[in-house]
Amino acid sequence: MELLRKLVAIVGFVVVSSSAGCGACGDPNGLRVDGDPPEIEFHWEDSNAMGFYVTTPEAWIPDGPRKMVDGEVFWVLEATSFPGGFESPIRWGEVPSDAKDATEDHGGPTGLPDLQCGIEYKLTVVALRGSDELVVAWDCPPEE
């Protein structure tokens, strides 16, 4: 199946859609995703992360130790040391040794949900240098 990708820059984040999955989506110099659910790896450049969020696109992401204000939360990682943070890359569902799962603290579910095709997710990495966001959706395979 031919991989179809659309990248559209919209006010500081990228919307990604593909017919066979994301594959390798995002900004090569910023936040990017490799793979398709459930085998996903998230990468970012320049700085260790203080937080990593998987939310709905409208979610407001805190720039400090505050709770989320809007949007649905699927997965949140927070650094356990400051200013050390945790390194890129991370894999979906795996908590690095220098981070903690803070999903429930931000109103998210107990346990890791499956990422669904056809649903947009906002990925946000928060670092000391600032934050990067990427909105991604994996297209559903055609029905046979």
C-alpha atoms as a PDB file:
ATOM      1  CA  MET A   1       0.000   0.000   0.000  1.00  0.00           C
ATOM      2  CA  GLU A   2       1.364   3.380  -0.954  1.00  0.00           C
ATOM      3  CA  LEU A   3       1.982   5.692   1.996  1.00  0.00           C
ATOM      4  CA  LEU A   4       0.154   8.998   1.634  1.00  0.00           C
ATOM      5  CA  ARG A   5       1.250  11.866   3.869  1.00  0.00           C
ATOM      6  CA  LYS A   6      -0.004  15.371   4.283  1.00  0.00           C
ATOM      7  CA  LEU A   7       1.904  17.862   6.373  1.00  0.00           C
ATOM      8  CA  VAL A   8       0.239  21.195   7.029  1.00  0.00           C
ATOM      9  CA  ALA A   9       1.830  23.822   9.257  1.00  0.00           C
ATOM     10  CA  ILE A  10      -0.788  25.531  11.411  1.00  0.00           C
ATOM     11  CA  VAL A  11       0.196  28.074  14.056  1.00  0.00           C
ATOM     12  CA  GLY A  12       3.133  26.254  15.582  1.00  0.00           C
ATOM     13  CA  PHE A  13       2.154  22.645  15.072  1.00  0.00           C
ATOM     14  CA  VAL A  14       1.876  20.150  12.248  1.00  0.00           C
ATOM     15  CA  VAL A  15      -1.186  18.131  11.308  1.00  0.00           C
ATOM     16  CA  VAL A  16      -0.256  14.732   9.920  1.00  0.00           C
ATOM     17  CA  SER A  17      -2.444  12.206   8.158  1.00  0.00           C
ATOM     18  CA  SER A  18      -1.507   9.069   6.264  1.00  0.00           C
ATOM     19  CA  SER A  19      -3.219   6.125   4.639  1.00  0.00           C
ATOM     20  CA  ALA A  20      -0.958   3.433   6.056  1.00  0.00           C
ATOM     21  CA  GLY A  21       0.027   5.129   9.258  1.00  0.00           C
ATOM     22  CA  CYS A  22       2.413   7.807  10.215  1.00  0.00           C
ATOM     23  CA  GLY A  23       5.637   5.965   9.455  1.00  0.00           C
ATOM     24  CA  ALA A  24       7.980   8.876  10.130  1.00  0.00           C
ATOM     25  CA  CYS A  25       6.016  12.065  10.779  1.00  0.00           C
ATOM     26  CA  GLY A  26       6.903  15.474  12.083  1.00  0.00           C
ATOM     27  CA  ASP A  27       9.737  17.959  11.966  1.00  0.00           C
ATOM     28  CA  PRO A  28      13.191  16.366  11.620  1.00  0.00           C
ATOM     29  CA  ASN A  29      14.566  19.192  13.787  1.00  0.00           C
ATOM     30  CA  GLY A  30      11.769  19.058  16.393  1.00  0.00           C
ATOM     31  CA  LEU A  31       9.190  16.569  17.632  1.00  0.00           C
ATOM     32  CA  ARG A  32       8.670  13.549  15.391  1.00  0.00           C
ATOM     33  CA  VAL A  33       7.075  10.103  15.451  1.00  0.00           C
ATOM     34  CA  ASP A  34       8.389   6.848  14.025  1.00  0.00           C
ATOM     35  CA  GLY A  35       6.129   3.831  13.555  1.00  0.00           C
ATOM     36  CA  ASP A  36       2.459   2.990  13.825  1.00  0.00           C
ATOM     37  CA  PRO A  37       0.375   1.927  16.862  1.00  0.00           C
ATOM     38  CA  PRO A  38       1.239   0.199  19.049  1.00  0.00           C
ATOM     39  CA  GLU A  39       4.938   0.278  18.032  1.00  0.00           C
ATOM     40  CA  ILE A  40       5.571   4.022  18.250  1.00  0.00           C
ATOM     41  CA  GLU A  41       8.728   5.911  19.110  1.00  0.00           C
ATOM     42  CA  PHE A  42       8.771   9.648  19.869  1.00  0.00           C
ATOM     43  CA  HIS A  43      11.853  11.793  19.217  1.00  0.00           C
ATOM     44  CA  TRP A  44      12.819  15.400  19.888  1.00  0.00           C
ATOM     45  CA  GLU A  45      16.031  17.399  19.594  1.00  0.00           C
ATOM     46  CA  ASP A  46      18.186  19.806  21.584  1.00  0.00           C
ATOM     47  CA  SER A  47      17.108  19.235  25.186  1.00  0.00           C
ATOM     48  CA  ASN A  48      15.862  16.681  27.685  1.00  0.00           C
ATOM     49  CA  ALA A  49      12.139  16.783  28.406  1.00  0.00           C
ATOM     50  CA  MET A  50      10.438  17.951  31.577  1.00  0.00           C
ATOM     51  CA  GLY A  51       7.124  16.547  30.322  1.00  0.00           C
ATOM     52  CA  PHE A  52       5.586  14.577  27.462  1.00  0.00           C
ATOM     53  CA  TYR A  53       1.831  14.655  26.767  1.00  0.00           C
ATOM     54  CA  VAL A  54      -0.516  12.683  24.498  1.00  0.00           C
ATOM     55  CA  THR A  55      -3.868  14.491  24.465  1.00  0.00           C
ATOM     56  CA  THR A  56      -6.734  15.602  22.274  1.00  0.00           C
ATOM     57  CA  PRO A  57      -5.762  18.457  19.905  1.00  0.00           C
ATOM     58  CA  GLU A  58      -7.606  21.158  21.878  1.00  0.00           C
ATOM     59  CA  ALA A  59      -5.818  20.348  25.140  1.00  0.00           C
ATOM     60  CA  TRP A  60      -3.983  23.142  26.902  1.00  0.00           C
ATOM     61  CA  ILE A  61      -0.560  21.966  28.050  1.00  0.00           C
ATOM     62  CA  PRO A  62       0.933  23.535  31.199  1.00  0.00           C
ATOM     63  CA  ASP A  63       4.387  25.102  31.004  1.00  0.00           C
ATOM     64  CA  GLY A  64       5.011  24.237  34.633  1.00  0.00           C
ATOM     65  CA  PRO A  65       3.757  21.897  37.351  1.00  0.00           C
ATOM     66  CA  ARG A  66       0.066  22.619  36.806  1.00  0.00           C
ATOM     67  CA  LYS A  67      -2.786  20.364  35.794  1.00  0.00           C
ATOM     68  CA  MET A  68      -4.353  20.409  32.335  1.00  0.00           C
ATOM     69  CA  VAL A  69      -7.180  22.869  31.787  1.00  0.00           C
ATOM     70  CA  ASP A  70      -8.899  21.602  28.609  1.00  0.00           C
ATOM     71  CA  GLY A  71      -8.915  18.448  26.534  1.00  0.00           C
ATOM     72  CA  GLU A  72      -8.717  14.717  27.116  1.00  0.00           C
ATOM     73  CA  VAL A  73      -5.494  13.155  28.412  1.00  0.00           C
ATOM     74  CA  PHE A  74      -4.229   9.756  27.221  1.00  0.00           C
ATOM     75  CA  TRP A  75      -0.636   9.608  28.537  1.00  0.00           C
ATOM     76  CA  VAL A  76       1.585  12.007  30.498  1.00  0.00           C
ATOM     77  CA  LEU A  77       5.192  11.600  31.536  1.00  0.00           C
ATOM     78  CA  GLU A  78       6.892  14.009  33.956  1.00  0.00           C
ATOM     79  CA  ALA A  79      10.590  14.273  34.752  1.00  0.00           C
ATOM     80  CA  THR A  80      11.659  13.050  38.185  1.00  0.00           C
ATOM     81  CA  SER A  81      14.675  15.386  38.301  1.00  0.00           C
ATOM     82  CA  PHE A  82      15.047  19.070  37.563  1.00  0.00           C
ATOM     83  CA  PRO A  83      16.712  20.308  35.428  1.00  0.00           C
ATOM     84  CA  GLY A  84      17.912  16.880  34.241  1.00  0.00           C
ATOM     85  CA  GLY A  85      14.671  15.698  32.649  1.00  0.00           C
ATOM     86  CA  PHE A  86      14.440  12.589  30.477  1.00  0.00           C
ATOM     87  CA  GLU A  87      16.031  11.876  27.114  1.00  0.00           C
ATOM     88  CA  SER A  88      14.665  11.244  23.658  1.00  0.00           C
ATOM     89  CA  PRO A  89      13.566   8.825  22.283  1.00  0.00           C
ATOM     90  CA  ILE A  90      10.731   7.263  24.247  1.00  0.00           C
ATOM     91  CA  ARG A  91       8.403   4.433  23.235  1.00  0.00           C
ATOM     92  CA  TRP A  92       4.617   4.367  23.620  1.00  0.00           C
ATOM     93  CA  GLY A  93       3.779   2.942  27.041  1.00  0.00           C
ATOM     94  CA  GLU A  94       7.351   2.725  28.347  1.00  0.00           C
ATOM     95  CA  VAL A  95       8.284   5.053  31.206  1.00  0.00           C
ATOM     96  CA  PRO A  96      11.959   6.100  31.208  1.00  0.00           C
ATOM     97  CA  SER A  97      13.878   5.592  34.465  1.00  0.00           C
ATOM     98  CA  ASP A  98      14.168   9.378  34.950  1.00  0.00           C
ATOM     99  CA  ALA A  99      10.416  10.003  34.474  1.00  0.00           C
ATOM    100  CA  LYS A 100       7.114   9.034  36.074  1.00  0.00           C
ATOM    101  CA  ASP A 101       3.698   8.305  34.619  1.00  0.00           C
ATOM    102  CA  ALA A 102       1.545  11.274  35.669  1.00  0.00           C
ATOM    103  CA  THR A 103      -1.478  10.487  33.481  1.00  0.00           C
ATOM    104  CA  GLU A 104      -3.926  10.116  36.359  1.00  0.00           C
ATOM    105  CA  ASP A 105      -2.606  13.333  37.991  1.00  0.00           C
ATOM    106  CA  HIS A 106      -3.738  15.186  34.848  1.00  0.00           C
ATOM    107  CA  GLY A 107      -7.184  13.588  34.682  1.00  0.00           C
ATOM    108  CA  GLY A 108      -6.246  10.725  32.370  1.00  0.00           C
ATOM    109  CA  PRO A 109      -7.213   7.050  32.572  1.00  0.00           C
ATOM    110  CA  THR A 110      -5.734   4.339  34.735  1.00  0.00           C
ATOM    111  CA  GLY A 111      -3.705   2.155  32.410  1.00  0.00           C
ATOM    112  CA  LEU A 112      -2.445   2.902  28.935  1.00  0.00           C
ATOM    113  CA  PRO A 113      -5.188   3.221  26.293  1.00  0.00           C
ATOM    114  CA  ASP A 114      -4.779   1.901  22.759  1.00  0.00           C
ATOM    115  CA  LEU A 115      -4.296   4.634  20.166  1.00  0.00           C
ATOM    116  CA  GLN A 116      -7.154   4.421  17.666  1.00  0.00           C
ATOM    117  CA  CYS A 117      -7.031   4.944  13.918  1.00  0.00           C
ATOM    118  CA  GLY A 118      -8.940   7.945  12.612  1.00  0.00           C
ATOM    119  CA  ILE A 119      -8.515   9.915  15.849  1.00  0.00           C
ATOM    120  CA  GLU A 120      -6.270  12.992  16.127  1.00  0.00           C
ATOM    121  CA  TYR A 121      -3.815  13.100  19.021  1.00  0.00           C
ATOM    122  CA  LYS A 122      -1.686  16.038  20.069  1.00  0.00           C
ATOM    123  CA  LEU A 123       1.828  15.130  21.152  1.00  0.00           C
ATOM    124  CA  THR A 124       3.672  17.742  23.201  1.00  0.00           C
ATOM    125  CA  VAL A 125       7.183  17.694  24.594  1.00  0.00           C
ATOM    126  CA  VAL A 126       7.971  20.373  27.194  1.00  0.00           C
ATOM    127  CA  ALA A 127      11.640  21.181  27.763  1.00  0.00           C
ATOM    128  CA  LEU A 128      13.588  24.000  29.382  1.00  0.00           C
ATOM    129  CA  ARG A 129      14.105  25.554  25.926  1.00  0.00           C
ATOM    130  CA  GLY A 130      10.345  25.607  25.206  1.00  0.00           C
ATOM    131  CA  SER A 131       7.842  23.127  23.808  1.00  0.00           C
ATOM    132  CA  ASP A 132       7.089  21.369  20.519  1.00  0.00           C
ATOM    133  CA  GLU A 133       3.678  20.079  19.433  1.00  0.00           C
ATOM    134  CA  LEU A 134       2.581  17.673  16.730  1.00  0.00           C
ATOM    135  CA  VAL A 135      -0.983  16.606  15.900  1.00  0.00           C
ATOM    136  CA  VAL A 136      -1.087  13.162  14.308  1.00  0.00           C
ATOM    137  CA  ALA A 137      -3.803  10.772  13.113  1.00  0.00           C
ATOM    138  CA  TRP A 138      -3.318   7.274  11.796  1.00  0.00           C
ATOM    139  CA  ASP A 139      -5.820   6.470   9.049  1.00  0.00           C
ATOM    140  CA  CYS A 140      -7.889   3.326   9.386  1.00  0.00           C
ATOM    141  CA  PRO A 141      -7.038   0.509   6.982  1.00  0.00           C
ATOM    142  CA  PRO A 142      -9.581   0.014   4.207  1.00  0.00           C
ATOM    143  CA  GLU A 143     -12.332  -2.466   4.961  1.00  0.00           C
ATOM    144  CA  GLU A 144     -12.238  -5.636   2.910  1.00  0.00           C
END
